[in-house]
Amino acid sequence: MADDAPFYAQDAGRKLARDFESRAYDLRAHLKKFIDETGEEAISDGFGLLTESDELRTEYVDYSSDAAEALNLVHKYLDAVADSLRKVHHNTEITDEGVAVLFGAKGDGAKK
């Protein structure tokens, strides 16, 4: 690694956090649409109220609920990763400023 190369690329860290946040947001929008289209009411409307279809309808409702729960967990995970990346970025900026001061930079980034 060259002496002037940064160990942590701040722009890349910010971009990665935004990417995870964007994916979490997109997934949340898809999840809402999925729930609207495959929720119990939508499935029941599709199968009707025939006795013969009740067992199958119940299976579809259970599957839809399980899938929505799994997607929600993925959404929360992506959101947590984005939050963690933002914290890493913030902490790195603070640490970099502190180290710069130790090596003679003023608080505003100028040299003494």
PDB file of N, CA and C in Angstrom:
ATOM      1  N   MET A   1       0.843  -1.165   0.000  1.00  0.00           N
ATOM      2  CA  MET A   1       0.000   0.000   0.000  1.00  0.00           C
ATOM      3  C   MET A   1       0.894   1.236   0.000  1.00  0.00           C
ATOM      4  N   ALA A   2       0.630   2.191  -0.860  1.00  0.00           N
ATOM      5  CA  ALA A   2       1.415   3.424  -0.934  1.00  0.00           C
ATOM      6  C   ALA A   2       1.169   4.264   0.317  1.00  0.00           C
ATOM      7  N   ASP A   3       2.161   5.091   0.664  1.00  0.00           N
ATOM      8  CA  ASP A   3       2.059   5.922   1.859  1.00  0.00           C
ATOM      9  C   ASP A   3       0.891   6.897   1.804  1.00  0.00           C
ATOM     10  N   ASP A   4       0.580   7.402   0.613  1.00  0.00           N
ATOM     11  CA  ASP A   4      -0.476   8.395   0.504  1.00  0.00           C
ATOM     12  C   ASP A   4      -1.856   7.785   0.240  1.00  0.00           C
ATOM     13  N   ALA A   5      -1.960   6.471   0.115  1.00  0.00           N
ATOM     14  CA  ALA A   5      -3.244   5.813  -0.136  1.00  0.00           C
ATOM     15  C   ALA A   5      -4.016   5.675   1.178  1.00  0.00           C
ATOM     16  N   PRO A   6      -5.285   6.034   1.167  1.00  0.00           N
ATOM     17  CA  PRO A   6      -6.075   5.924   2.398  1.00  0.00           C
ATOM     18  C   PRO A   6      -6.390   4.468   2.727  1.00  0.00           C
ATOM     19  N   PHE A   7      -6.425   4.177   4.004  1.00  0.00           N
ATOM     20  CA  PHE A   7      -6.794   2.842   4.445  1.00  0.00           C
ATOM     21  C   PHE A   7      -8.297   2.643   4.292  1.00  0.00           C
ATOM     22  N   TYR A   8      -9.053   3.688   4.537  1.00  0.00           N
ATOM     23  CA  TYR A   8     -10.508   3.652   4.429  1.00  0.00           C
ATOM     24  C   TYR A   8     -10.928   4.703   3.420  1.00  0.00           C
ATOM     25  N   ALA A   9     -11.528   4.279   2.344  1.00  0.00           N
ATOM     26  CA  ALA A   9     -11.979   5.213   1.317  1.00  0.00           C
ATOM     27  C   ALA A   9     -13.334   5.776   1.736  1.00  0.00           C
ATOM     28  N   GLN A  10     -13.333   7.019   2.198  1.00  0.00           N
ATOM     29  CA  GLN A  10     -14.555   7.608   2.745  1.00  0.00           C
ATOM     30  C   GLN A  10     -15.680   7.679   1.734  1.00  0.00           C
ATOM     31  N   ASP A  11     -15.383   8.063   0.505  1.00  0.00           N
ATOM     32  CA  ASP A  11     -16.432   8.135  -0.506  1.00  0.00           C
ATOM     33  C   ASP A  11     -17.049   6.760  -0.758  1.00  0.00           C
ATOM     34  N   ALA A  12     -16.196   5.740  -0.780  1.00  0.00           N
ATOM     35  CA  ALA A  12     -16.693   4.379  -0.999  1.00  0.00           C
ATOM     36  C   ALA A  12     -17.557   3.932   0.181  1.00  0.00           C
ATOM     37  N   GLY A  13     -17.160   4.291   1.395  1.00  0.00           N
ATOM     38  CA  GLY A  13     -17.946   3.940   2.576  1.00  0.00           C
ATOM     39  C   GLY A  13     -19.315   4.591   2.566  1.00  0.00           C
ATOM     40  N   ARG A  14     -19.346   5.886   2.215  1.00  0.00           N
ATOM     41  CA  ARG A  14     -20.634   6.597   2.124  1.00  0.00           C
ATOM     42  C   ARG A  14     -21.508   5.983   1.045  1.00  0.00           C
ATOM     43  N   LYS A  15     -20.907   5.685  -0.113  1.00  0.00           N
ATOM     44  CA  LYS A  15     -21.671   5.119  -1.222  1.00  0.00           C
ATOM     45  C   LYS A  15     -22.233   3.743  -0.850  1.00  0.00           C
ATOM     46  N   LEU A  16     -21.424   2.941  -0.194  1.00  0.00           N
ATOM     47  CA  LEU A  16     -21.886   1.610   0.201  1.00  0.00           C
ATOM     48  C   LEU A  16     -23.056   1.702   1.183  1.00  0.00           C
ATOM     49  N   ALA A  17     -22.977   2.625   2.129  1.00  0.00           N
ATOM     50  CA  ALA A  17     -24.080   2.823   3.076  1.00  0.00           C
ATOM     51  C   ALA A  17     -25.343   3.253   2.335  1.00  0.00           C
ATOM     52  N   ARG A  18     -25.196   4.183   1.390  1.00  0.00           N
ATOM     53  CA  ARG A  18     -26.362   4.629   0.608  1.00  0.00           C
ATOM     54  C   ARG A  18     -26.931   3.490  -0.231  1.00  0.00           C
ATOM     55  N   ASP A  19     -26.050   2.652  -0.788  1.00  0.00           N
ATOM     56  CA  ASP A  19     -26.519   1.515  -1.587  1.00  0.00           C
ATOM     57  C   ASP A  19     -27.353   0.551  -0.740  1.00  0.00           C
ATOM     58  N   PHE A  20     -26.864   0.223   0.455  1.00  0.00           N
ATOM     59  CA  PHE A  20     -27.621  -0.666   1.330  1.00  0.00           C
ATOM     60  C   PHE A  20     -28.947  -0.023   1.736  1.00  0.00           C
ATOM     61  N   GLU A  21     -28.914   1.263   2.029  1.00  0.00           N
ATOM     62  CA  GLU A  21     -30.136   1.967   2.408  1.00  0.00           C
ATOM     63  C   GLU A  21     -31.137   1.962   1.255  1.00  0.00           C
ATOM     64  N   SER A  22     -30.632   2.173   0.047  1.00  0.00           N
ATOM     65  CA  SER A  22     -31.490   2.167  -1.136  1.00  0.00           C
ATOM     66  C   SER A  22     -32.110   0.791  -1.365  1.00  0.00           C
ATOM     67  N   ARG A  23     -31.297  -0.257  -1.213  1.00  0.00           N
ATOM     68  CA  ARG A  23     -31.820  -1.620  -1.397  1.00  0.00           C
ATOM     69  C   ARG A  23     -32.871  -1.944  -0.337  1.00  0.00           C
ATOM     70  N   ALA A  24     -32.641  -1.498   0.889  1.00  0.00           N
ATOM     71  CA  ALA A  24     -33.616  -1.725   1.961  1.00  0.00           C
ATOM     72  C   ALA A  24     -34.924  -1.008   1.643  1.00  0.00           C
ATOM     73  N   TYR A  25     -34.817   0.224   1.150  1.00  0.00           N
ATOM     74  CA  TYR A  25     -36.003   1.000   0.795  1.00  0.00           C
ATOM     75  C   TYR A  25     -36.767   0.322  -0.347  1.00  0.00           C
ATOM     76  N   ASP A  26     -36.024  -0.105  -1.378  1.00  0.00           N
ATOM     77  CA  ASP A  26     -36.656  -0.787  -2.516  1.00  0.00           C
ATOM     78  C   ASP A  26     -37.350  -2.070  -2.068  1.00  0.00           C
ATOM     79  N   LEU A  27     -36.662  -2.841  -1.227  1.00  0.00           N
ATOM     80  CA  LEU A  27     -37.246  -4.090  -0.744  1.00  0.00           C
ATOM     81  C   LEU A  27     -38.514  -3.815   0.049  1.00  0.00           C
ATOM     82  N   ARG A  28     -38.500  -2.750   0.860  1.00  0.00           N
ATOM     83  CA  ARG A  28     -39.683  -2.402   1.654  1.00  0.00           C
ATOM     84  C   ARG A  28     -40.856  -2.084   0.741  1.00  0.00           C
ATOM     85  N   ALA A  29     -40.609  -1.375  -0.353  1.00  0.00           N
ATOM     86  CA  ALA A  29     -41.668  -1.059  -1.318  1.00  0.00           C
ATOM     87  C   ALA A  29     -42.202  -2.332  -1.970  1.00  0.00           C
ATOM     88  N   HIS A  30     -41.300  -3.246  -2.341  1.00  0.00           N
ATOM     89  CA  HIS A  30     -41.728  -4.519  -2.942  1.00  0.00           C
ATOM     90  C   HIS A  30     -42.497  -5.367  -1.922  1.00  0.00           C
ATOM     91  N   LEU A  31     -42.054  -5.325  -0.689  1.00  0.00           N
ATOM     92  CA  LEU A  31     -42.737  -6.076   0.374  1.00  0.00           C
ATOM     93  C   LEU A  31     -44.159  -5.574   0.558  1.00  0.00           C
ATOM     94  N   LYS A  32     -44.334  -4.262   0.562  1.00  0.00           N
ATOM     95  CA  LYS A  32     -45.679  -3.696   0.709  1.00  0.00           C
ATOM     96  C   LYS A  32     -46.576  -4.162  -0.438  1.00  0.00           C
ATOM     97  N   LYS A  33     -46.030  -4.110  -1.654  1.00  0.00           N
ATOM     98  CA  LYS A  33     -46.802  -4.552  -2.827  1.00  0.00           C
ATOM     99  C   LYS A  33     -47.123  -6.048  -2.711  1.00  0.00           C
ATOM    100  N   PHE A  34     -46.146  -6.846  -2.280  1.00  0.00           N
ATOM    101  CA  PHE A  34     -46.350  -8.286  -2.109  1.00  0.00           C
ATOM    102  C   PHE A  34     -47.462  -8.555  -1.103  1.00  0.00           C
ATOM    103  N   ILE A  35     -47.438  -7.857   0.028  1.00  0.00           N
ATOM    104  CA  ILE A  35     -48.468  -8.054   1.054  1.00  0.00           C
ATOM    105  C   ILE A  35     -49.834  -7.646   0.519  1.00  0.00           C
ATOM    106  N   ASP A  36     -49.896  -6.539  -0.209  1.00  0.00           N
ATOM    107  CA  ASP A  36     -51.167  -6.093  -0.781  1.00  0.00           C
ATOM    108  C   ASP A  36     -51.736  -7.108  -1.765  1.00  0.00           C
ATOM    109  N   GLU A  37     -50.852  -7.739  -2.544  1.00  0.00           N
ATOM    110  CA  GLU A  37     -51.303  -8.655  -3.590  1.00  0.00           C
ATOM    111  C   GLU A  37     -51.467 -10.091  -3.117  1.00  0.00           C
ATOM    112  N   THR A  38     -50.828 -10.452  -2.001  1.00  0.00           N
ATOM    113  CA  THR A  38     -50.890 -11.854  -1.565  1.00  0.00           C
ATOM    114  C   THR A  38     -51.339 -12.006  -0.124  1.00  0.00           C
ATOM    115  N   GLY A  39     -51.865 -10.958   0.462  1.00  0.00           N
ATOM    116  CA  GLY A  39     -52.355 -11.048   1.832  1.00  0.00           C
ATOM    117  C   GLY A  39     -53.582 -11.943   1.917  1.00  0.00           C
ATOM    118  N   GLU A  40     -54.027 -12.195   3.118  1.00  0.00           N
ATOM    119  CA  GLU A  40     -55.158 -13.108   3.337  1.00  0.00           C
ATOM    120  C   GLU A  40     -56.394 -12.675   2.569  1.00  0.00           C
ATOM    121  N   GLU A  41     -56.682 -11.388   2.554  1.00  0.00           N
ATOM    122  CA  GLU A  41     -57.875 -10.908   1.859  1.00  0.00           C
ATOM    123  C   GLU A  41     -57.780 -11.156   0.355  1.00  0.00           C
ATOM    124  N   ALA A  42     -56.617 -10.857  -0.228  1.00  0.00           N
ATOM    125  CA  ALA A  42     -56.438 -11.065  -1.671  1.00  0.00           C
ATOM    126  C   ALA A  42     -56.524 -12.540  -2.024  1.00  0.00           C
ATOM    127  N   ILE A  43     -55.931 -13.394  -1.211  1.00  0.00           N
ATOM    128  CA  ILE A  43     -55.973 -14.836  -1.470  1.00  0.00           C
ATOM    129  C   ILE A  43     -57.387 -15.362  -1.296  1.00  0.00           C
ATOM    130  N   SER A  44     -58.064 -14.940  -0.255  1.00  0.00           N
ATOM    131  CA  SER A  44     -59.441 -15.389  -0.020  1.00  0.00           C
ATOM    132  C   SER A  44     -60.349 -14.967  -1.165  1.00  0.00           C
ATOM    133  N   ASP A  45     -60.156 -13.740  -1.659  1.00  0.00           N
ATOM    134  CA  ASP A  45     -60.954 -13.284  -2.798  1.00  0.00           C
ATOM    135  C   ASP A  45     -60.699 -14.158  -4.021  1.00  0.00           C
ATOM    136  N   GLY A  46     -59.464 -14.597  -4.192  1.00  0.00           N
ATOM    137  CA  GLY A  46     -59.104 -15.420  -5.341  1.00  0.00           C
ATOM    138  C   GLY A  46     -59.678 -16.824  -5.265  1.00  0.00           C
ATOM    139  N   PHE A  47     -59.724 -17.400  -4.065  1.00  0.00           N
ATOM    140  CA  PHE A  47     -60.220 -18.763  -3.907  1.00  0.00           C
ATOM    141  C   PHE A  47     -61.715 -18.821  -3.651  1.00  0.00           C
ATOM    142  N   GLY A  48     -62.272 -17.763  -3.175  1.00  0.00           N
ATOM    143  CA  GLY A  48     -63.686 -17.785  -2.838  1.00  0.00           C
ATOM    144  C   GLY A  48     -63.898 -18.495  -1.512  1.00  0.00           C
ATOM    145  N   LEU A  49     -65.113 -18.799  -1.234  1.00  0.00           N
ATOM    146  CA  LEU A  49     -65.447 -19.398   0.058  1.00  0.00           C
ATOM    147  C   LEU A  49     -65.918 -20.842  -0.065  1.00  0.00           C
ATOM    148  N   LEU A  50     -65.504 -21.526  -1.110  1.00  0.00           N
ATOM    149  CA  LEU A  50     -65.892 -22.918  -1.259  1.00  0.00           C
ATOM    150  C   LEU A  50     -65.206 -23.767  -0.189  1.00  0.00           C
ATOM    151  N   THR A  51     -65.913 -24.714   0.369  1.00  0.00           N
ATOM    152  CA  THR A  51     -65.366 -25.577   1.402  1.00  0.00           C
ATOM    153  C   THR A  51     -64.166 -26.347   0.882  1.00  0.00           C
ATOM    154  N   GLU A  52     -64.228 -26.765  -0.373  1.00  0.00           N
ATOM    155  CA  GLU A  52     -63.147 -27.543  -0.962  1.00  0.00           C
ATOM    156  C   GLU A  52     -61.847 -26.726  -1.072  1.00  0.00           C
ATOM    157  N   SER A  53     -61.972 -25.430  -1.180  1.00  0.00           N
ATOM    158  CA  SER A  53     -60.783 -24.614  -1.378  1.00  0.00           C
ATOM    159  C   SER A  53     -60.222 -24.067  -0.061  1.00  0.00           C
ATOM    160  N   ASP A  54     -60.877 -24.318   1.047  1.00  0.00           N
ATOM    161  CA  ASP A  54     -60.454 -23.745   2.321  1.00  0.00           C
ATOM    162  C   ASP A  54     -59.061 -24.214   2.736  1.00  0.00           C
ATOM    163  N   GLU A  55     -58.774 -25.500   2.585  1.00  0.00           N
ATOM    164  CA  GLU A  55     -57.466 -26.017   2.975  1.00  0.00           C
ATOM    165  C   GLU A  55     -56.357 -25.426   2.105  1.00  0.00           C
ATOM    166  N   LEU A  56     -56.598 -25.365   0.813  1.00  0.00           N
ATOM    167  CA  LEU A  56     -55.616 -24.789  -0.099  1.00  0.00           C
ATOM    168  C   LEU A  56     -55.431 -23.292   0.169  1.00  0.00           C
ATOM    169  N   ARG A  57     -56.518 -22.594   0.417  1.00  0.00           N
ATOM    170  CA  ARG A  57     -56.452 -21.168   0.731  1.00  0.00           C
ATOM    171  C   ARG A  57     -55.612 -20.942   1.985  1.00  0.00           C
ATOM    172  N   THR A  58     -55.821 -21.769   3.000  1.00  0.00           N
ATOM    173  CA  THR A  58     -55.063 -21.660   4.245  1.00  0.00           C
ATOM    174  C   THR A  58     -53.577 -21.862   3.994  1.00  0.00           C
ATOM    175  N   GLU A  59     -53.226 -22.832   3.148  1.00  0.00           N
ATOM    176  CA  GLU A  59     -51.818 -23.069   2.814  1.00  0.00           C
ATOM    177  C   GLU A  59     -51.205 -21.856   2.116  1.00  0.00           C
ATOM    178  N   TYR A  60     -51.942 -21.276   1.173  1.00  0.00           N
ATOM    179  CA  TYR A  60     -51.444 -20.097   0.478  1.00  0.00           C
ATOM    180  C   TYR A  60     -51.286 -18.917   1.433  1.00  0.00           C
ATOM    181  N   VAL A  61     -52.221 -18.727   2.336  1.00  0.00           N
ATOM    182  CA  VAL A  61     -52.141 -17.636   3.311  1.00  0.00           C
ATOM    183  C   VAL A  61     -50.928 -17.839   4.214  1.00  0.00           C
ATOM    184  N   ASP A  62     -50.719 -19.067   4.682  1.00  0.00           N
ATOM    185  CA  ASP A  62     -49.559 -19.361   5.529  1.00  0.00           C
ATOM    186  C   ASP A  62     -48.249 -19.119   4.779  1.00  0.00           C
ATOM    187  N   TYR A  63     -48.181 -19.570   3.539  1.00  0.00           N
ATOM    188  CA  TYR A  63     -46.985 -19.364   2.730  1.00  0.00           C
ATOM    189  C   TYR A  63     -46.727 -17.875   2.517  1.00  0.00           C
ATOM    190  N   SER A  64     -47.769 -17.138   2.194  1.00  0.00           N
ATOM    191  CA  SER A  64     -47.644 -15.699   1.976  1.00  0.00           C
ATOM    192  C   SER A  64     -47.157 -14.997   3.237  1.00  0.00           C
ATOM    193  N   SER A  65     -47.703 -15.386   4.377  1.00  0.00           N
ATOM    194  CA  SER A  65     -47.280 -14.781   5.653  1.00  0.00           C
ATOM    195  C   SER A  65     -45.825 -15.097   5.949  1.00  0.00           C
ATOM    196  N   ASP A  66     -45.421 -16.339   5.723  1.00  0.00           N
ATOM    197  CA  ASP A  66     -44.026 -16.731   5.951  1.00  0.00           C
ATOM    198  C   ASP A  66     -43.077 -15.971   5.020  1.00  0.00           C
ATOM    199  N   ALA A  67     -43.462 -15.851   3.752  1.00  0.00           N
ATOM    200  CA  ALA A  67     -42.621 -15.139   2.789  1.00  0.00           C
ATOM    201  C   ALA A  67     -42.512 -13.662   3.162  1.00  0.00           C
ATOM    202  N   ALA A  68     -43.618 -13.057   3.566  1.00  0.00           N
ATOM    203  CA  ALA A  68     -43.599 -11.648   3.965  1.00  0.00           C
ATOM    204  C   ALA A  68     -42.731 -11.449   5.202  1.00  0.00           C
ATOM    205  N   GLU A  69     -42.803 -12.370   6.137  1.00  0.00           N
ATOM    206  CA  GLU A  69     -41.980 -12.280   7.345  1.00  0.00           C
ATOM    207  C   GLU A  69     -40.498 -12.390   6.995  1.00  0.00           C
ATOM    208  N   ALA A  70     -40.160 -13.309   6.097  1.00  0.00           N
ATOM    209  CA  ALA A  70     -38.761 -13.475   5.685  1.00  0.00           C
ATOM    210  C   ALA A  70     -38.258 -12.221   4.967  1.00  0.00           C
ATOM    211  N   LEU A  71     -39.067 -11.669   4.081  1.00  0.00           N
ATOM    212  CA  LEU A  71     -38.676 -10.449   3.377  1.00  0.00           C
ATOM    213  C   LEU A  71     -38.517  -9.282   4.345  1.00  0.00           C
ATOM    214  N   ASN A  72     -39.358  -9.233   5.348  1.00  0.00           N
ATOM    215  CA  ASN A  72     -39.250  -8.175   6.351  1.00  0.00           C
ATOM    216  C   ASN A  72     -37.938  -8.301   7.129  1.00  0.00           C
ATOM    217  N   LEU A  73     -37.547  -9.535   7.441  1.00  0.00           N
ATOM    218  CA  LEU A  73     -36.271  -9.748   8.129  1.00  0.00           C
ATOM    219  C   LEU A  73     -35.095  -9.301   7.259  1.00  0.00           C
ATOM    220  N   VAL A  74     -35.154  -9.593   5.969  1.00  0.00           N
ATOM    221  CA  VAL A  74     -34.097  -9.158   5.053  1.00  0.00           C
ATOM    222  C   VAL A  74     -34.064  -7.629   5.000  1.00  0.00           C
ATOM    223  N   HIS A  75     -35.246  -7.005   4.933  1.00  0.00           N
ATOM    224  CA  HIS A  75     -35.321  -5.540   4.932  1.00  0.00           C
ATOM    225  C   HIS A  75     -34.662  -4.961   6.185  1.00  0.00           C
ATOM    226  N   LYS A  76     -34.991  -5.508   7.335  1.00  0.00           N
ATOM    227  CA  LYS A  76     -34.408  -5.026   8.589  1.00  0.00           C
ATOM    228  C   LYS A  76     -32.892  -5.228   8.597  1.00  0.00           C
ATOM    229  N   TYR A  77     -32.442  -6.344   8.058  1.00  0.00           N
ATOM    230  CA  TYR A  77     -31.012  -6.630   8.005  1.00  0.00           C
ATOM    231  C   TYR A  77     -30.288  -5.614   7.114  1.00  0.00           C
ATOM    232  N   LEU A  78     -30.831  -5.356   5.930  1.00  0.00           N
ATOM    233  CA  LEU A  78     -30.216  -4.390   5.025  1.00  0.00           C
ATOM    234  C   LEU A  78     -30.174  -3.001   5.662  1.00  0.00           C
ATOM    235  N   ASP A  79     -31.243  -2.647   6.346  1.00  0.00           N
ATOM    236  CA  ASP A  79     -31.298  -1.364   7.023  1.00  0.00           C
ATOM    237  C   ASP A  79     -30.258  -1.288   8.144  1.00  0.00           C
ATOM    238  N   ALA A  80     -30.098  -2.382   8.876  1.00  0.00           N
ATOM    239  CA  ALA A  80     -29.101  -2.424   9.959  1.00  0.00           C
ATOM    240  C   ALA A  80     -27.682  -2.334   9.399  1.00  0.00           C
ATOM    241  N   VAL A  81     -27.431  -2.975   8.266  1.00  0.00           N
ATOM    242  CA  VAL A  81     -26.106  -2.886   7.637  1.00  0.00           C
ATOM    243  C   VAL A  81     -25.831  -1.442   7.220  1.00  0.00           C
ATOM    244  N   ALA A  82     -26.830  -0.782   6.634  1.00  0.00           N
ATOM    245  CA  ALA A  82     -26.663   0.621   6.239  1.00  0.00           C
ATOM    246  C   ALA A  82     -26.361   1.486   7.459  1.00  0.00           C
ATOM    247  N   ASP A  83     -27.092   1.274   8.551  1.00  0.00           N
ATOM    248  CA  ASP A  83     -26.838   2.030   9.782  1.00  0.00           C
ATOM    249  C   ASP A  83     -25.425   1.786  10.296  1.00  0.00           C
ATOM    250  N   SER A  84     -25.005   0.540  10.287  1.00  0.00           N
ATOM    251  CA  SER A  84     -23.661   0.202  10.758  1.00  0.00           C
ATOM    252  C   SER A  84     -22.585   0.854   9.891  1.00  0.00           C
ATOM    253  N   LEU A  85     -22.780   0.842   8.585  1.00  0.00           N
ATOM    254  CA  LEU A  85     -21.813   1.464   7.684  1.00  0.00           C
ATOM    255  C   LEU A  85     -21.740   2.977   7.910  1.00  0.00           C
ATOM    256  N   ARG A  86     -22.894   3.606   8.167  1.00  0.00           N
ATOM    257  CA  ARG A  86     -22.889   5.038   8.464  1.00  0.00           C
ATOM    258  C   ARG A  86     -22.125   5.317   9.759  1.00  0.00           C
ATOM    259  N   LYS A  87     -22.300   4.464  10.761  1.00  0.00           N
ATOM    260  CA  LYS A  87     -21.581   4.626  12.026  1.00  0.00           C
ATOM    261  C   LYS A  87     -20.077   4.447  11.821  1.00  0.00           C
ATOM    262  N   VAL A  88     -19.693   3.439  11.039  1.00  0.00           N
ATOM    263  CA  VAL A  88     -18.270   3.224  10.747  1.00  0.00           C
ATOM    264  C   VAL A  88     -17.702   4.458  10.056  1.00  0.00           C
ATOM    265  N   HIS A  89     -18.435   4.978   9.095  1.00  0.00           N
ATOM    266  CA  HIS A  89     -17.970   6.159   8.373  1.00  0.00           C
ATOM    267  C   HIS A  89     -17.817   7.342   9.332  1.00  0.00           C
ATOM    268  N   HIS A  90     -18.802   7.575  10.163  1.00  0.00           N
ATOM    269  CA  HIS A  90     -18.755   8.688  11.118  1.00  0.00           C
ATOM    270  C   HIS A  90     -17.583   8.520  12.086  1.00  0.00           C
ATOM    271  N   ASN A  91     -17.447   7.330  12.638  1.00  0.00           N
ATOM    272  CA  ASN A  91     -16.348   7.079  13.582  1.00  0.00           C
ATOM    273  C   ASN A  91     -14.982   7.223  12.918  1.00  0.00           C
ATOM    274  N   THR A  92     -14.876   6.806  11.668  1.00  0.00           N
ATOM    275  CA  THR A  92     -13.615   6.925  10.937  1.00  0.00           C
ATOM    276  C   THR A  92     -13.260   8.394  10.712  1.00  0.00           C
ATOM    277  N   GLU A  93     -14.258   9.205  10.376  1.00  0.00           N
ATOM    278  CA  GLU A  93     -13.998  10.638  10.200  1.00  0.00           C
ATOM    279  C   GLU A  93     -13.485  11.260  11.499  1.00  0.00           C
ATOM    280  N   ILE A  94     -14.114  10.923  12.607  1.00  0.00           N
ATOM    281  CA  ILE A  94     -13.694  11.462  13.905  1.00  0.00           C
ATOM    282  C   ILE A  94     -12.274  11.005  14.231  1.00  0.00           C
ATOM    283  N   THR A  95     -12.001   9.731  14.013  1.00  0.00           N
ATOM    284  CA  THR A  95     -10.664   9.197  14.288  1.00  0.00           C
ATOM    285  C   THR A  95      -9.622   9.853  13.386  1.00  0.00           C
ATOM    286  N   ASP A  96      -9.930  10.007  12.111  1.00  0.00           N
ATOM    287  CA  ASP A  96      -8.993  10.643  11.178  1.00  0.00           C
ATOM    288  C   ASP A  96      -8.685  12.074  11.601  1.00  0.00           C
ATOM    289  N   GLU A  97      -9.704  12.804  12.039  1.00  0.00           N
ATOM    290  CA  GLU A  97      -9.489  14.174  12.496  1.00  0.00           C
ATOM    291  C   GLU A  97      -8.590  14.195  13.734  1.00  0.00           C
ATOM    292  N   GLY A  98      -8.834  13.267  14.652  1.00  0.00           N
ATOM    293  CA  GLY A  98      -8.013  13.183  15.855  1.00  0.00           C
ATOM    294  C   GLY A  98      -6.570  12.847  15.551  1.00  0.00           C
ATOM    295  N   VAL A  99      -6.347  11.924  14.652  1.00  0.00           N
ATOM    296  CA  VAL A  99      -4.982  11.545  14.271  1.00  0.00           C
ATOM    297  C   VAL A  99      -4.305  12.710  13.552  1.00  0.00           C
ATOM    298  N   ALA A 100      -5.034  13.399  12.709  1.00  0.00           N
ATOM    299  CA  ALA A 100      -4.468  14.544  11.989  1.00  0.00           C
ATOM    300  C   ALA A 100      -4.009  15.622  12.966  1.00  0.00           C
ATOM    301  N   VAL A 101      -4.787  15.855  14.004  1.00  0.00           N
ATOM    302  CA  VAL A 101      -4.412  16.838  15.023  1.00  0.00           C
ATOM    303  C   VAL A 101      -3.144  16.388  15.733  1.00  0.00           C
ATOM    304  N   LEU A 102      -3.032  15.101  16.024  1.00  0.00           N
ATOM    305  CA  LEU A 102      -1.825  14.578  16.669  1.00  0.00           C
ATOM    306  C   LEU A 102      -0.576  14.810  15.817  1.00  0.00           C
ATOM    307  N   PHE A 103      -0.751  14.795  14.505  1.00  0.00           N
ATOM    308  CA  PHE A 103       0.382  14.984  13.602  1.00  0.00           C
ATOM    309  C   PHE A 103       0.532  16.428  13.136  1.00  0.00           C
ATOM    310  N   GLY A 104      -0.103  17.364  13.843  1.00  0.00           N
ATOM    311  CA  GLY A 104       0.151  18.768  13.584  1.00  0.00           C
ATOM    312  C   GLY A 104      -0.896  19.537  12.806  1.00  0.00           C
ATOM    313  N   ALA A 105      -1.985  18.905  12.413  1.00  0.00           N
ATOM    314  CA  ALA A 105      -3.029  19.638  11.701  1.00  0.00           C
ATOM    315  C   ALA A 105      -3.899  20.374  12.708  1.00  0.00           C
ATOM    316  N   LYS A 106      -4.408  21.521  12.305  1.00  0.00           N
ATOM    317  CA  LYS A 106      -5.358  22.239  13.156  1.00  0.00           C
ATOM    318  C   LYS A 106      -6.718  21.567  13.000  1.00  0.00           C
ATOM    319  N   GLY A 107      -7.663  21.880  13.863  1.00  0.00           N
ATOM    320  CA  GLY A 107      -8.987  21.277  13.834  1.00  0.00           C
ATOM    321  C   GLY A 107      -9.731  21.491  12.534  1.00  0.00           C
ATOM    322  N   ASP A 108      -9.393  22.545  11.793  1.00  0.00           N
ATOM    323  CA  ASP A 108     -10.087  22.809  10.527  1.00  0.00           C
ATOM    324  C   ASP A 108      -9.382  22.168   9.342  1.00  0.00           C
ATOM    325  N   GLY A 109      -8.365  21.342   9.590  1.00  0.00           N
ATOM    326  CA  GLY A 109      -7.660  20.631   8.524  1.00  0.00           C
ATOM    327  C   GLY A 109      -6.410  21.337   8.033  1.00  0.00           C
ATOM    328  N   ALA A 110      -6.152  22.569   8.491  1.00  0.00           N
ATOM    329  CA  ALA A 110      -4.951  23.297   8.072  1.00  0.00           C
ATOM    330  C   ALA A 110      -3.764  22.865   8.923  1.00  0.00           C
ATOM    331  N   LYS A 111      -2.563  22.995   8.378  1.00  0.00           N
ATOM    332  CA  LYS A 111      -1.329  22.659   9.110  1.00  0.00           C
ATOM    333  C   LYS A 111      -0.982  23.798  10.058  1.00  0.00           C
ATOM    334  N   LYS A 112      -0.324  23.450  11.177  1.00  0.00           N
ATOM    335  CA  LYS A 112       0.172  24.461  12.130  1.00  0.00           C
ATOM    336  C   LYS A 112       1.300  25.236  11.527  1.00  0.00           C
TER     337      LYS A 112
END
